[in-house]
Amino acid sequence: MTIGWNDLTKDEQTALKRMNRGPYPELEPALAERLIDLGLAESRPRGVGINRAGRDLVITTLLAARDNLASKG
C-alpha cells in the first residue's frame, strides 16, 4: 500500500518532518507505532527513526511545494 502525504494526519506529517532532520526523542510511542505500521519508520537500537520510504515521501513533498511556489512567482 502506498501512502501519500495527504493520507497522513498533521501529527504524522509533523513527526516525519522532524524525524527527517534527525533524532526525535519526543515522538509519542503510539505515533511511532503508527508510522512503523505505515512503512514510513522503523525501530532502531537508539529509538524509532524515519526509513527510506518516509524520507522519500518527505523530500518529494517538500520539493513539490517548493516547485509549486516557484511556478507561481
PDB file of N, CA and C in Angstrom:
ATOM      1  N   MET A   1       0.842  -1.182   0.000  1.00  0.00           N
ATOM      2  CA  MET A   1       0.000   0.000   0.000  1.00  0.00           C
ATOM      3  C   MET A   1       0.888   1.247   0.000  1.00  0.00           C
ATOM      4  N   THR A   2       0.630   2.150  -0.914  1.00  0.00           N
ATOM      5  CA  THR A   2       1.385   3.393  -0.992  1.00  0.00           C
ATOM      6  C   THR A   2       0.644   4.478  -0.232  1.00  0.00           C
ATOM      7  N   ILE A   3       1.374   5.152   0.629  1.00  0.00           N
ATOM      8  CA  ILE A   3       0.804   6.229   1.438  1.00  0.00           C
ATOM      9  C   ILE A   3       1.200   7.566   0.830  1.00  0.00           C
ATOM     10  N   GLY A   4       0.234   8.443   0.655  1.00  0.00           N
ATOM     11  CA  GLY A   4       0.506   9.795   0.177  1.00  0.00           C
ATOM     12  C   GLY A   4       0.547  10.765   1.353  1.00  0.00           C
ATOM     13  N   TRP A   5       1.159  11.892   1.130  1.00  0.00           N
ATOM     14  CA  TRP A   5       1.292  12.902   2.180  1.00  0.00           C
ATOM     15  C   TRP A   5      -0.068  13.300   2.746  1.00  0.00           C
ATOM     16  N   ASN A   6      -1.047  13.465   1.876  1.00  0.00           N
ATOM     17  CA  ASN A   6      -2.380  13.891   2.321  1.00  0.00           C
ATOM     18  C   ASN A   6      -3.164  12.786   3.010  1.00  0.00           C
ATOM     19  N   ASP A   7      -2.643  11.555   2.971  1.00  0.00           N
ATOM     20  CA  ASP A   7      -3.260  10.448   3.711  1.00  0.00           C
ATOM     21  C   ASP A   7      -2.880  10.496   5.188  1.00  0.00           C
ATOM     22  N   LEU A   8      -1.851  11.273   5.507  1.00  0.00           N
ATOM     23  CA  LEU A   8      -1.352  11.358   6.881  1.00  0.00           C
ATOM     24  C   LEU A   8      -2.054  12.468   7.647  1.00  0.00           C
ATOM     25  N   THR A   9      -2.140  12.287   8.963  1.00  0.00           N
ATOM     26  CA  THR A   9      -2.657  13.356   9.807  1.00  0.00           C
ATOM     27  C   THR A   9      -1.585  14.437   9.944  1.00  0.00           C
ATOM     28  N   LYS A  10      -1.965  15.587  10.416  1.00  0.00           N
ATOM     29  CA  LYS A  10      -1.000  16.674  10.640  1.00  0.00           C
ATOM     30  C   LYS A  10       0.089  16.234  11.618  1.00  0.00           C
ATOM     31  N   ASP A  11      -0.291  15.489  12.657  1.00  0.00           N
ATOM     32  CA  ASP A  11       0.702  14.999  13.624  1.00  0.00           C
ATOM     33  C   ASP A  11       1.691  14.042  12.968  1.00  0.00           C
ATOM     34  N   GLU A  12       1.205  13.172  12.098  1.00  0.00           N
ATOM     35  CA  GLU A  12       2.085  12.242  11.388  1.00  0.00           C
ATOM     36  C   GLU A  12       3.022  12.994  10.448  1.00  0.00           C
ATOM     37  N   GLN A  13       2.488  13.991   9.750  1.00  0.00           N
ATOM     38  CA  GLN A  13       3.317  14.798   8.860  1.00  0.00           C
ATOM     39  C   GLN A  13       4.408  15.530   9.640  1.00  0.00           C
ATOM     40  N   THR A  14       4.028  16.136  10.748  1.00  0.00           N
ATOM     41  CA  THR A  14       4.989  16.863  11.574  1.00  0.00           C
ATOM     42  C   THR A  14       6.067  15.934  12.108  1.00  0.00           C
ATOM     43  N   ALA A  15       5.658  14.766  12.569  1.00  0.00           N
ATOM     44  CA  ALA A  15       6.628  13.799  13.100  1.00  0.00           C
ATOM     45  C   ALA A  15       7.617  13.374  12.019  1.00  0.00           C
ATOM     46  N   LEU A  16       7.129  13.100  10.826  1.00  0.00           N
ATOM     47  CA  LEU A  16       8.030  12.698   9.737  1.00  0.00           C
ATOM     48  C   LEU A  16       9.005  13.815   9.385  1.00  0.00           C
ATOM     49  N   LYS A  17       8.522  15.043   9.329  1.00  0.00           N
ATOM     50  CA  LYS A  17       9.420  16.160   9.017  1.00  0.00           C
ATOM     51  C   LYS A  17      10.492  16.303  10.097  1.00  0.00           C
ATOM     52  N   ARG A  18      10.114  16.164  11.356  1.00  0.00           N
ATOM     53  CA  ARG A  18      11.088  16.267  12.449  1.00  0.00           C
ATOM     54  C   ARG A  18      12.066  15.099  12.418  1.00  0.00           C
ATOM     55  N   MET A  19      11.564  13.905  12.152  1.00  0.00           N
ATOM     56  CA  MET A  19      12.433  12.728  12.081  1.00  0.00           C
ATOM     57  C   MET A  19      13.400  12.838  10.901  1.00  0.00           C
ATOM     58  N   ASN A  20      12.983  13.503   9.842  1.00  0.00           N
ATOM     59  CA  ASN A  20      13.838  13.681   8.679  1.00  0.00           C
ATOM     60  C   ASN A  20      15.056  14.558   9.008  1.00  0.00           C
ATOM     61  N   ARG A  21      14.911  15.429  10.003  1.00  0.00           N
ATOM     62  CA  ARG A  21      16.008  16.315  10.410  1.00  0.00           C
ATOM     63  C   ARG A  21      16.949  15.658  11.403  1.00  0.00           C
ATOM     64  N   GLY A  22      16.527  14.563  12.019  1.00  0.00           N
ATOM     65  CA  GLY A  22      17.389  13.893  12.983  1.00  0.00           C
ATOM     66  C   GLY A  22      16.576  13.214  14.067  1.00  0.00           C
ATOM     67  N   PRO A  23      17.234  12.799  15.136  1.00  0.00           N
ATOM     68  CA  PRO A  23      16.534  12.110  16.225  1.00  0.00           C
ATOM     69  C   PRO A  23      15.367  12.948  16.761  1.00  0.00           C
ATOM     70  N   TYR A  24      14.304  12.259  17.087  1.00  0.00           N
ATOM     71  CA  TYR A  24      13.092  12.910  17.600  1.00  0.00           C
ATOM     72  C   TYR A  24      12.661  12.175  18.869  1.00  0.00           C
ATOM     73  N   PRO A  25      13.361  12.434  19.983  1.00  0.00           N
ATOM     74  CA  PRO A  25      13.072  11.700  21.221  1.00  0.00           C
ATOM     75  C   PRO A  25      11.685  11.973  21.802  1.00  0.00           C
ATOM     76  N   GLU A  26      11.045  13.064  21.413  1.00  0.00           N
ATOM     77  CA  GLU A  26       9.712  13.394  21.930  1.00  0.00           C
ATOM     78  C   GLU A  26       8.595  12.662  21.204  1.00  0.00           C
ATOM     79  N   LEU A  27       8.944  11.845  20.212  1.00  0.00           N
ATOM     80  CA  LEU A  27       7.943  11.110  19.441  1.00  0.00           C
ATOM     81  C   LEU A  27       7.138  10.193  20.362  1.00  0.00           C
ATOM     82  N   GLU A  28       5.830  10.355  20.342  1.00  0.00           N
ATOM     83  CA  GLU A  28       4.961   9.540  21.185  1.00  0.00           C
ATOM     84  C   GLU A  28       4.961   8.093  20.691  1.00  0.00           C
ATOM     85  N   PRO A  29       4.985   7.135  21.609  1.00  0.00           N
ATOM     86  CA  PRO A  29       5.042   5.718  21.210  1.00  0.00           C
ATOM     87  C   PRO A  29       3.923   5.288  20.259  1.00  0.00           C
ATOM     88  N   ALA A  30       2.704   5.759  20.493  1.00  0.00           N
ATOM     89  CA  ALA A  30       1.588   5.369  19.615  1.00  0.00           C
ATOM     90  C   ALA A  30       1.795   5.911  18.205  1.00  0.00           C
ATOM     91  N   LEU A  31       2.291   7.127  18.096  1.00  0.00           N
ATOM     92  CA  LEU A  31       2.554   7.728  16.794  1.00  0.00           C
ATOM     93  C   LEU A  31       3.714   7.012  16.105  1.00  0.00           C
ATOM     94  N   ALA A  32       4.722   6.649  16.867  1.00  0.00           N
ATOM     95  CA  ALA A  32       5.849   5.887  16.326  1.00  0.00           C
ATOM     96  C   ALA A  32       5.362   4.559  15.758  1.00  0.00           C
ATOM     97  N   GLU A  33       4.523   3.858  16.491  1.00  0.00           N
ATOM     98  CA  GLU A  33       3.997   2.580  16.011  1.00  0.00           C
ATOM     99  C   GLU A  33       3.159   2.756  14.753  1.00  0.00           C
ATOM    100  N   ARG A  34       2.388   3.818  14.700  1.00  0.00           N
ATOM    101  CA  ARG A  34       1.562   4.097  13.519  1.00  0.00           C
ATOM    102  C   ARG A  34       2.455   4.308  12.291  1.00  0.00           C
ATOM    103  N   LEU A  35       3.534   5.090  12.442  1.00  0.00           N
ATOM    104  CA  LEU A  35       4.437   5.349  11.320  1.00  0.00           C
ATOM    105  C   LEU A  35       5.162   4.076  10.889  1.00  0.00           C
ATOM    106  N   ILE A  36       5.492   3.222  11.855  1.00  0.00           N
ATOM    107  CA  ILE A  36       6.100   1.932  11.533  1.00  0.00           C
ATOM    108  C   ILE A  36       5.092   1.075  10.759  1.00  0.00           C
ATOM    109  N   ASP A  37       3.854   1.031  11.234  1.00  0.00           N
ATOM    110  CA  ASP A  37       2.810   0.244  10.563  1.00  0.00           C
ATOM    111  C   ASP A  37       2.557   0.729   9.133  1.00  0.00           C
ATOM    112  N   LEU A  38       2.708   2.038   8.922  1.00  0.00           N
ATOM    113  CA  LEU A  38       2.512   2.609   7.590  1.00  0.00           C
ATOM    114  C   LEU A  38       3.721   2.380   6.680  1.00  0.00           C
ATOM    115  N   GLY A  39       4.814   1.871   7.249  1.00  0.00           N
ATOM    116  CA  GLY A  39       6.012   1.616   6.464  1.00  0.00           C
ATOM    117  C   GLY A  39       6.872   2.842   6.241  1.00  0.00           C
ATOM    118  N   LEU A  40       6.711   3.867   7.108  1.00  0.00           N
ATOM    119  CA  LEU A  40       7.447   5.113   6.948  1.00  0.00           C
ATOM    120  C   LEU A  40       8.551   5.302   7.986  1.00  0.00           C
ATOM    121  N   ALA A  41       8.622   4.412   8.944  1.00  0.00           N
ATOM    122  CA  ALA A  41       9.628   4.486  10.006  1.00  0.00           C
ATOM    123  C   ALA A  41       9.993   3.067  10.412  1.00  0.00           C
ATOM    124  N   GLU A  42      11.064   2.957  11.180  1.00  0.00           N
ATOM    125  CA  GLU A  42      11.495   1.642  11.658  1.00  0.00           C
ATOM    126  C   GLU A  42      12.104   1.767  13.043  1.00  0.00           C
ATOM    127  N   SER A  43      12.023   0.675  13.766  1.00  0.00           N
ATOM    128  CA  SER A  43      12.602   0.621  15.104  1.00  0.00           C
ATOM    129  C   SER A  43      14.097   0.363  14.968  1.00  0.00           C
ATOM    130  N   ARG A  44      14.877   1.123  15.726  1.00  0.00           N
ATOM    131  CA  ARG A  44      16.333   1.011  15.709  1.00  0.00           C
ATOM    132  C   ARG A  44      16.824   0.891  17.143  1.00  0.00           C
ATOM    133  N   PRO A  45      18.070   0.491  17.328  1.00  0.00           N
ATOM    134  CA  PRO A  45      18.587   0.359  18.693  1.00  0.00           C
ATOM    135  C   PRO A  45      18.479   1.650  19.521  1.00  0.00           C
ATOM    136  N   ARG A  46      18.561   2.799  18.865  1.00  0.00           N
ATOM    137  CA  ARG A  46      18.504   4.075  19.591  1.00  0.00           C
ATOM    138  C   ARG A  46      17.136   4.724  19.541  1.00  0.00           C
ATOM    139  N   GLY A  47      16.125   3.981  19.073  1.00  0.00           N
ATOM    140  CA  GLY A  47      14.766   4.506  19.002  1.00  0.00           C
ATOM    141  C   GLY A  47      14.202   4.384  17.612  1.00  0.00           C
ATOM    142  N   VAL A  48      13.036   4.937  17.415  1.00  0.00           N
ATOM    143  CA  VAL A  48      12.362   4.871  16.123  1.00  0.00           C
ATOM    144  C   VAL A  48      12.921   5.973  15.228  1.00  0.00           C
ATOM    145  N   GLY A  49      13.202   5.600  13.979  1.00  0.00           N
ATOM    146  CA  GLY A  49      13.717   6.569  13.022  1.00  0.00           C
ATOM    147  C   GLY A  49      13.014   6.448  11.688  1.00  0.00           C
ATOM    148  N   ILE A  50      13.086   7.500  10.934  1.00  0.00           N
ATOM    149  CA  ILE A  50      12.494   7.512   9.601  1.00  0.00           C
ATOM    150  C   ILE A  50      13.256   6.526   8.716  1.00  0.00           C
ATOM    151  N   ASN A  51      12.543   5.859   7.823  1.00  0.00           N
ATOM    152  CA  ASN A  51      13.211   4.940   6.895  1.00  0.00           C
ATOM    153  C   ASN A  51      13.237   5.572   5.504  1.00  0.00           C
ATOM    154  N   ARG A  52      13.727   4.812   4.533  1.00  0.00           N
ATOM    155  CA  ARG A  52      13.876   5.345   3.171  1.00  0.00           C
ATOM    156  C   ARG A  52      12.539   5.794   2.590  1.00  0.00           C
ATOM    157  N   ALA A  53      11.488   5.006   2.781  1.00  0.00           N
ATOM    158  CA  ALA A  53      10.173   5.368   2.242  1.00  0.00           C
ATOM    159  C   ALA A  53       9.655   6.657   2.876  1.00  0.00           C
ATOM    160  N   GLY A  54       9.838   6.799   4.188  1.00  0.00           N
ATOM    161  CA  GLY A  54       9.414   8.014   4.873  1.00  0.00           C
ATOM    162  C   GLY A  54      10.201   9.224   4.406  1.00  0.00           C
ATOM    163  N   ARG A  55      11.514   9.051   4.267  1.00  0.00           N
ATOM    164  CA  ARG A  55      12.374  10.142   3.814  1.00  0.00           C
ATOM    165  C   ARG A  55      12.010  10.549   2.377  1.00  0.00           C
ATOM    166  N   ASP A  56      11.779   9.569   1.515  1.00  0.00           N
ATOM    167  CA  ASP A  56      11.381   9.871   0.135  1.00  0.00           C
ATOM    168  C   ASP A  56      10.075  10.652   0.096  1.00  0.00           C
ATOM    169  N   LEU A  57       9.119  10.269   0.941  1.00  0.00           N
ATOM    170  CA  LEU A  57       7.835  10.963   0.987  1.00  0.00           C
ATOM    171  C   LEU A  57       8.011  12.413   1.427  1.00  0.00           C
ATOM    172  N   VAL A  58       8.793  12.636   2.483  1.00  0.00           N
ATOM    173  CA  VAL A  58       9.018  13.998   2.977  1.00  0.00           C
ATOM    174  C   VAL A  58       9.716  14.842   1.918  1.00  0.00           C
ATOM    175  N   ILE A  59      10.782  14.322   1.355  1.00  0.00           N
ATOM    176  CA  ILE A  59      11.559  15.097   0.383  1.00  0.00           C
ATOM    177  C   ILE A  59      10.742  15.399  -0.869  1.00  0.00           C
ATOM    178  N   THR A  60      10.021  14.402  -1.370  1.00  0.00           N
ATOM    179  CA  THR A  60       9.175  14.612  -2.546  1.00  0.00           C
ATOM    180  C   THR A  60       8.132  15.688  -2.282  1.00  0.00           C
ATOM    181  N   THR A  61       7.541  15.657  -1.101  1.00  0.00           N
ATOM    182  CA  THR A  61       6.515  16.636  -0.732  1.00  0.00           C
ATOM    183  C   THR A  61       7.106  18.040  -0.628  1.00  0.00           C
ATOM    184  N   LEU A  62       8.258  18.149   0.022  1.00  0.00           N
ATOM    185  CA  LEU A  62       8.892  19.459   0.170  1.00  0.00           C
ATOM    186  C   LEU A  62       9.338  20.028  -1.173  1.00  0.00           C
ATOM    187  N   LEU A  63       9.880  19.190  -2.037  1.00  0.00           N
ATOM    188  CA  LEU A  63      10.300  19.661  -3.362  1.00  0.00           C
ATOM    189  C   LEU A  63       9.102  20.083  -4.213  1.00  0.00           C
ATOM    190  N   ALA A  64       8.016  19.336  -4.124  1.00  0.00           N
ATOM    191  CA  ALA A  64       6.812  19.691  -4.875  1.00  0.00           C
ATOM    192  C   ALA A  64       6.258  21.037  -4.404  1.00  0.00           C
ATOM    193  N   ALA A  65       6.283  21.279  -3.102  1.00  0.00           N
ATOM    194  CA  ALA A  65       5.801  22.550  -2.561  1.00  0.00           C
ATOM    195  C   ALA A  65       6.692  23.694  -3.036  1.00  0.00           C
ATOM    196  N   ARG A  66       8.000  23.462  -3.047  1.00  0.00           N
ATOM    197  CA  ARG A  66       8.942  24.491  -3.495  1.00  0.00           C
ATOM    198  C   ARG A  66       8.728  24.792  -4.976  1.00  0.00           C
ATOM    199  N   ASP A  67       8.575  23.741  -5.781  1.00  0.00           N
ATOM    200  CA  ASP A  67       8.364  23.916  -7.211  1.00  0.00           C
ATOM    201  C   ASP A  67       7.043  24.636  -7.484  1.00  0.00           C
ATOM    202  N   ASN A  68       6.038  24.333  -6.689  1.00  0.00           N
ATOM    203  CA  ASN A  68       4.726  24.969  -6.835  1.00  0.00           C
ATOM    204  C   ASN A  68       4.833  26.455  -6.531  1.00  0.00           C
ATOM    205  N   LEU A  69       5.577  26.825  -5.500  1.00  0.00           N
ATOM    206  CA  LEU A  69       5.762  28.229  -5.163  1.00  0.00           C
ATOM    207  C   LEU A  69       6.561  28.949  -6.256  1.00  0.00           C
ATOM    208  N   ALA A  70       7.563  28.289  -6.784  1.00  0.00           N
ATOM    209  CA  ALA A  70       8.399  28.890  -7.817  1.00  0.00           C
ATOM    210  C   ALA A  70       7.600  29.146  -9.091  1.00  0.00           C
ATOM    211  N   SER A  71       6.690  28.233  -9.419  1.00  0.00           N
ATOM    212  CA  SER A  71       5.909  28.403 -10.652  1.00  0.00           C
ATOM    213  C   SER A  71       4.870  29.516 -10.516  1.00  0.00           C
ATOM    214  N   LYS A  72       4.489  29.833  -9.280  1.00  0.00           N
ATOM    215  CA  LYS A  72       3.523  30.914  -9.060  1.00  0.00           C
ATOM    216  C   LYS A  72       4.196  32.282  -9.026  1.00  0.00           C
ATOM    217  N   GLY A  73       5.500  32.279  -8.769  1.00  0.00           N
ATOM    218  CA  GLY A  73       6.233  33.536  -8.611  1.00  0.00           C
ATOM    219  C   GLY A  73       6.690  34.051  -9.891  1.00  0.00           C
TER     220      GLY A  73
END
